[in-house]
């Protein structure tokens, strides 16, 4: 009896660990970014390729409370951090990887079309992975310009600066996980907006570990049931 109780306690501990692991896998949904300050100007078309040269800033974003790929907004255009942590993704944690000008703020400047201040006239590239469902329609809201490629397929090509607009596309590829690459620029003064209902997926390593753990738990549980039956 004591042996069985001990095994059941171990099984309970395994399940508790798996719950923690599930949370960790969710929190590891990571979006990476690069910023080229002053890489474009108003009026101008966004290029379909990143700017040349070394980015001024590189960063990573994690968020344990939402899986949306983009949910960024800034009413003031003053700094990069404010843009990346507002607009429906207030739980975002931004980690700067390189760059001294991390907030990307120009002191004493005025946000005007053609001017340089905060993220105005910057080009930002976002990369990561997303889980797409065949036949499902997705949306992306942007102000000013955006170019989104998923699995090598351009799905949003909005290269002209406009006021905030929402664009829709239907995924025609197979259901599965794909790498994405997005370019965004704010060129005509605040507000800056980039939002979508496309999800960022947890990093593959944690998902593999989670799946392995679940298989182990199922095996242990089966052993317990068979042991009691005998």
Protein backbone atom coordinates (compact mmCIF):
# COMPACT_ATOMS: atom_id res chain seq x y z
CA UNK A 1 0.00 0.00 0.00
CA UNK A 2 2.81 2.42 0.93
CA UNK A 3 4.59 1.60 -2.33
CA UNK A 4 1.50 2.42 -4.37
CA UNK A 5 0.97 5.64 -2.43
CA UNK A 6 4.56 6.63 -3.10
CA UNK A 7 4.14 5.98 -6.81
CA UNK A 8 0.97 8.02 -6.90
CA UNK A 9 2.72 10.90 -5.14
CA UNK A 10 5.50 10.73 -7.73
CA UNK A 11 2.90 10.76 -10.49
CA UNK A 12 1.30 13.83 -8.93
CA UNK A 13 4.67 15.55 -8.86
CA UNK A 14 5.19 14.74 -12.54
CA UNK A 15 1.83 16.29 -13.40
CA UNK A 16 2.65 19.41 -11.38
CA UNK A 17 5.95 19.72 -13.20
CA UNK A 18 4.16 19.40 -16.53
CA UNK A 19 1.79 22.21 -15.59
CA UNK A 20 4.77 24.44 -14.84
CA UNK A 21 6.37 23.39 -18.12
CA UNK A 22 3.20 24.23 -20.02
CA UNK A 23 3.30 27.74 -18.57
CA UNK A 24 6.98 28.06 -19.45
CA UNK A 25 6.35 26.98 -23.04
CA UNK A 26 3.61 29.61 -23.32
CA UNK A 27 5.86 32.32 -21.90
CA UNK A 28 8.62 31.49 -24.35
CA UNK A 29 6.60 32.78 -27.30
CA UNK A 30 9.33 35.08 -28.58
CA UNK A 31 9.40 37.79 -31.20
CA UNK A 32 12.73 39.18 -32.39
CA UNK A 33 13.30 42.62 -33.85
CA UNK A 34 15.81 44.93 -35.50
CA UNK A 35 15.63 48.71 -35.87
CA UNK A 36 17.29 50.93 -38.45
CA UNK A 37 16.89 54.54 -37.29
CA UNK A 38 16.16 57.12 -39.96
CA UNK A 39 16.12 54.50 -42.72
CA UNK A 40 13.11 55.98 -44.53
CA UNK A 41 11.24 59.27 -44.82
CA UNK A 42 7.86 60.71 -45.74
CA UNK A 43 6.58 60.30 -48.37
CA UNK A 44 8.29 57.09 -49.37
CA UNK A 45 7.51 53.48 -50.18
CA UNK A 46 8.63 50.75 -47.80
CA UNK A 47 11.13 48.37 -49.38
CA UNK A 48 10.47 44.63 -49.43
CA UNK A 49 13.98 44.01 -48.08
CA UNK A 50 15.56 45.19 -44.80
CA UNK A 51 17.79 48.27 -44.91
CA UNK A 52 21.49 47.71 -45.47
CA UNK A 53 24.00 48.19 -42.69
CA UNK A 54 24.06 47.21 -39.03
CA UNK A 55 20.78 47.76 -37.11
CA UNK A 56 20.86 50.49 -34.47
CA UNK A 57 18.96 48.26 -32.04
CA UNK A 58 18.12 44.56 -31.77
CA UNK A 59 15.65 43.19 -29.24
CA UNK A 60 13.51 40.23 -28.15
CA UNK A 61 9.94 40.34 -26.86
CA UNK A 62 8.29 37.76 -24.62
CA UNK A 63 4.75 37.87 -23.29
CA UNK A 64 3.18 35.22 -21.01
CA UNK A 65 -0.35 36.66 -21.35
CA UNK A 66 -0.97 36.88 -25.08
CA UNK A 67 0.10 35.02 -28.21
CA UNK A 68 -0.71 37.70 -30.80
CA UNK A 69 2.19 38.35 -33.13
CA UNK A 70 1.72 42.12 -33.20
CA UNK A 71 -0.18 44.41 -30.83
CA UNK A 72 1.86 47.61 -30.88
CA UNK A 73 0.68 51.20 -30.59
CA UNK A 74 2.12 54.60 -29.71
CA UNK A 75 0.21 57.86 -29.53
CA UNK A 76 3.36 59.93 -29.11
CA UNK A 77 5.97 58.21 -31.32
CA UNK A 78 8.54 59.13 -28.68
CA UNK A 79 10.29 55.87 -27.98
CA UNK A 80 10.67 52.28 -29.11
CA UNK A 81 9.87 50.74 -25.72
CA UNK A 82 6.56 52.59 -25.48
CA UNK A 83 5.55 51.37 -28.93
CA UNK A 84 6.43 47.74 -28.17
CA UNK A 85 4.71 47.58 -24.76
CA UNK A 86 1.38 49.30 -25.43
CA UNK A 87 -1.73 48.66 -27.48
CA UNK A 88 -3.13 45.40 -26.16
CA UNK A 89 0.21 43.79 -25.31
CA UNK A 90 0.89 45.52 -22.01
CA UNK A 91 2.47 42.34 -20.64
CA UNK A 92 5.29 42.52 -23.16
CA UNK A 93 8.80 42.17 -21.76
CA UNK A 94 11.35 43.81 -24.08
CA UNK A 95 14.97 42.69 -23.79
CA UNK A 96 17.48 44.79 -25.71
CA UNK A 97 20.21 42.67 -27.22
CA UNK A 98 22.34 45.32 -28.91
CA UNK A 99 22.28 49.08 -29.40
CA UNK A 100 23.11 52.05 -27.23
CA UNK A 101 20.12 54.07 -28.44
CA UNK A 102 17.70 51.59 -26.91
CA UNK A 103 14.77 53.96 -26.47
CA UNK A 104 15.50 55.55 -29.84
CA UNK A 105 14.66 59.04 -28.58
CA UNK A 106 16.01 62.24 -30.09
CA UNK A 107 16.07 64.93 -27.39
CA UNK A 108 14.25 68.15 -28.14
CA UNK A 109 12.87 67.03 -31.49
CA UNK A 110 9.43 67.63 -32.95
CA UNK A 111 7.41 64.89 -34.61
CA UNK A 112 6.54 66.17 -38.07
CA UNK A 113 6.25 64.55 -41.49
CA UNK A 114 9.78 64.22 -42.76
CA UNK A 115 11.27 64.86 -39.33
CA UNK A 116 13.21 62.48 -37.15
CA UNK A 117 12.00 61.77 -33.64
CA UNK A 118 11.46 58.59 -31.66
CA UNK A 119 10.49 55.76 -34.00
CA UNK A 120 9.38 58.15 -36.75
CA UNK A 121 11.24 57.34 -40.00
CA UNK A 122 12.61 54.11 -38.56
CA UNK A 123 12.30 50.71 -40.21
CA UNK A 124 11.62 47.80 -37.85
CA UNK A 125 11.97 44.14 -38.82
CA UNK A 126 10.19 41.41 -36.82
CA UNK A 127 10.94 37.68 -37.08
CA UNK A 128 9.60 34.56 -35.39
CA UNK A 129 7.32 31.59 -36.02
CA UNK A 130 3.56 31.36 -36.31
CA UNK A 131 0.98 28.57 -36.50
CA UNK A 132 -1.27 29.03 -39.54
CA UNK A 133 -4.56 27.28 -40.28
CA UNK A 134 -5.53 26.48 -43.87
CA UNK A 135 -8.53 28.49 -45.05
CA UNK A 136 -8.54 30.83 -42.04
CA UNK A 137 -8.74 34.60 -42.61
CA UNK A 138 -6.34 36.80 -40.66
CA UNK A 139 -6.06 40.56 -40.23
CA UNK A 140 -3.27 43.10 -39.87
CA UNK A 141 -3.77 46.75 -38.93
CA UNK A 142 -0.94 49.12 -39.74
CA UNK A 143 -0.08 52.83 -39.73
CA UNK A 144 1.95 53.59 -41.79
CA UNK A 145 3.52 50.82 -43.92
CA UNK A 146 3.93 47.06 -43.57
CA UNK A 147 5.23 44.05 -45.48
CA UNK A 148 4.58 40.55 -44.06
CA UNK A 149 5.98 37.28 -45.39
CA UNK A 150 4.93 33.92 -43.91
CA UNK A 151 6.65 30.73 -45.01
CA UNK A 152 8.23 32.61 -47.90
CA UNK A 153 4.81 33.80 -49.12
CA UNK A 154 4.09 37.59 -49.08
CA UNK A 155 0.65 37.90 -47.48
CA UNK A 156 0.54 41.66 -46.77
CA UNK A 157 2.15 44.15 -49.14
CA UNK A 158 1.20 47.64 -47.98
CA UNK A 159 4.21 49.70 -49.02
CA UNK A 160 2.55 53.14 -49.22
CA UNK A 161 2.15 55.26 -46.10
CA UNK A 162 -1.50 55.67 -45.10
CA UNK A 163 -3.63 56.34 -42.07
CA UNK A 164 -4.43 53.29 -39.99
CA UNK A 165 -6.07 50.59 -42.11
CA UNK A 166 -6.91 46.94 -41.56
CA UNK A 167 -5.93 44.43 -44.22
CA UNK A 168 -7.18 40.84 -44.51
CA UNK A 169 -5.78 37.70 -46.09
CA UNK A 170 -6.77 34.04 -46.16
CA UNK A 171 -4.05 31.46 -45.59
CA UNK A 172 -3.93 29.08 -48.53
CA UNK A 173 -1.03 26.93 -47.37
CA UNK A 174 -1.16 23.79 -45.27
CA UNK A 175 -1.95 24.03 -41.58
CA UNK A 176 1.29 24.15 -39.63
CA UNK A 177 4.10 26.24 -38.18
CA UNK A 178 5.92 28.72 -40.40
CA UNK A 179 8.70 31.27 -40.07
CA UNK A 180 7.61 34.86 -40.66
CA UNK A 181 9.41 38.08 -41.50
CA UNK A 182 7.75 41.50 -41.24
CA UNK A 183 8.95 45.00 -42.08
CA UNK A 184 7.23 48.05 -40.61
CA UNK A 185 7.86 51.77 -40.80
CA UNK A 186 6.32 54.84 -39.19
CA UNK A 187 6.96 57.79 -41.51
CA UNK A 188 4.20 60.36 -41.09
CA UNK A 189 4.13 61.13 -37.38
CA UNK A 190 2.12 59.62 -34.54
CA UNK A 191 0.22 57.48 -33.95
CA UNK A 192 2.20 54.35 -34.79
CA UNK A 193 0.17 51.14 -35.11
CA UNK A 194 0.94 47.52 -35.91
CA UNK A 195 -1.59 44.92 -34.76
CA UNK A 196 -2.80 41.50 -35.92
CA UNK A 197 -4.57 38.33 -34.79
CA UNK A 198 -1.77 36.10 -36.09
CA UNK A 199 -0.25 34.11 -33.23
CA UNK A 200 3.38 33.68 -32.24
CA UNK A 201 4.15 30.04 -31.45
CA UNK A 202 6.13 28.78 -28.43
CA UNK A 203 9.72 27.86 -29.17
CA UNK A 204 10.03 24.27 -30.53
CA UNK A 205 12.38 23.07 -27.78
CA UNK A 206 9.82 23.59 -25.03
CA UNK A 207 7.02 22.06 -27.07
CA UNK A 208 9.12 18.94 -27.70
CA UNK A 209 9.96 18.70 -24.00
CA UNK A 210 6.31 19.14 -23.10
CA UNK A 211 5.24 16.38 -25.50
CA UNK A 212 7.88 14.01 -24.12
CA UNK A 213 6.75 14.75 -20.58
CA UNK A 214 3.15 14.00 -21.41
CA UNK A 215 4.11 10.64 -22.91
CA UNK A 216 6.06 9.76 -19.77
CA UNK A 217 3.13 10.77 -17.57
CA UNK A 218 0.75 8.65 -19.63
CA UNK A 219 3.08 5.64 -19.32
CA UNK A 220 3.39 6.07 -15.54
CA UNK A 221 -0.37 6.41 -15.19
CA UNK A 222 -0.93 3.23 -17.21
CA UNK A 223 1.52 1.35 -15.00
CA UNK A 224 -0.37 2.49 -11.90
CA UNK A 225 -3.73 1.40 -13.31
CA UNK A 226 -2.39 -2.01 -14.37
CA UNK A 227 -0.72 -2.48 -11.01
CA UNK A 228 -3.97 -1.87 -9.11
CA UNK A 229 -5.85 -4.17 -11.48
CA UNK A 230 -3.47 -7.03 -10.66
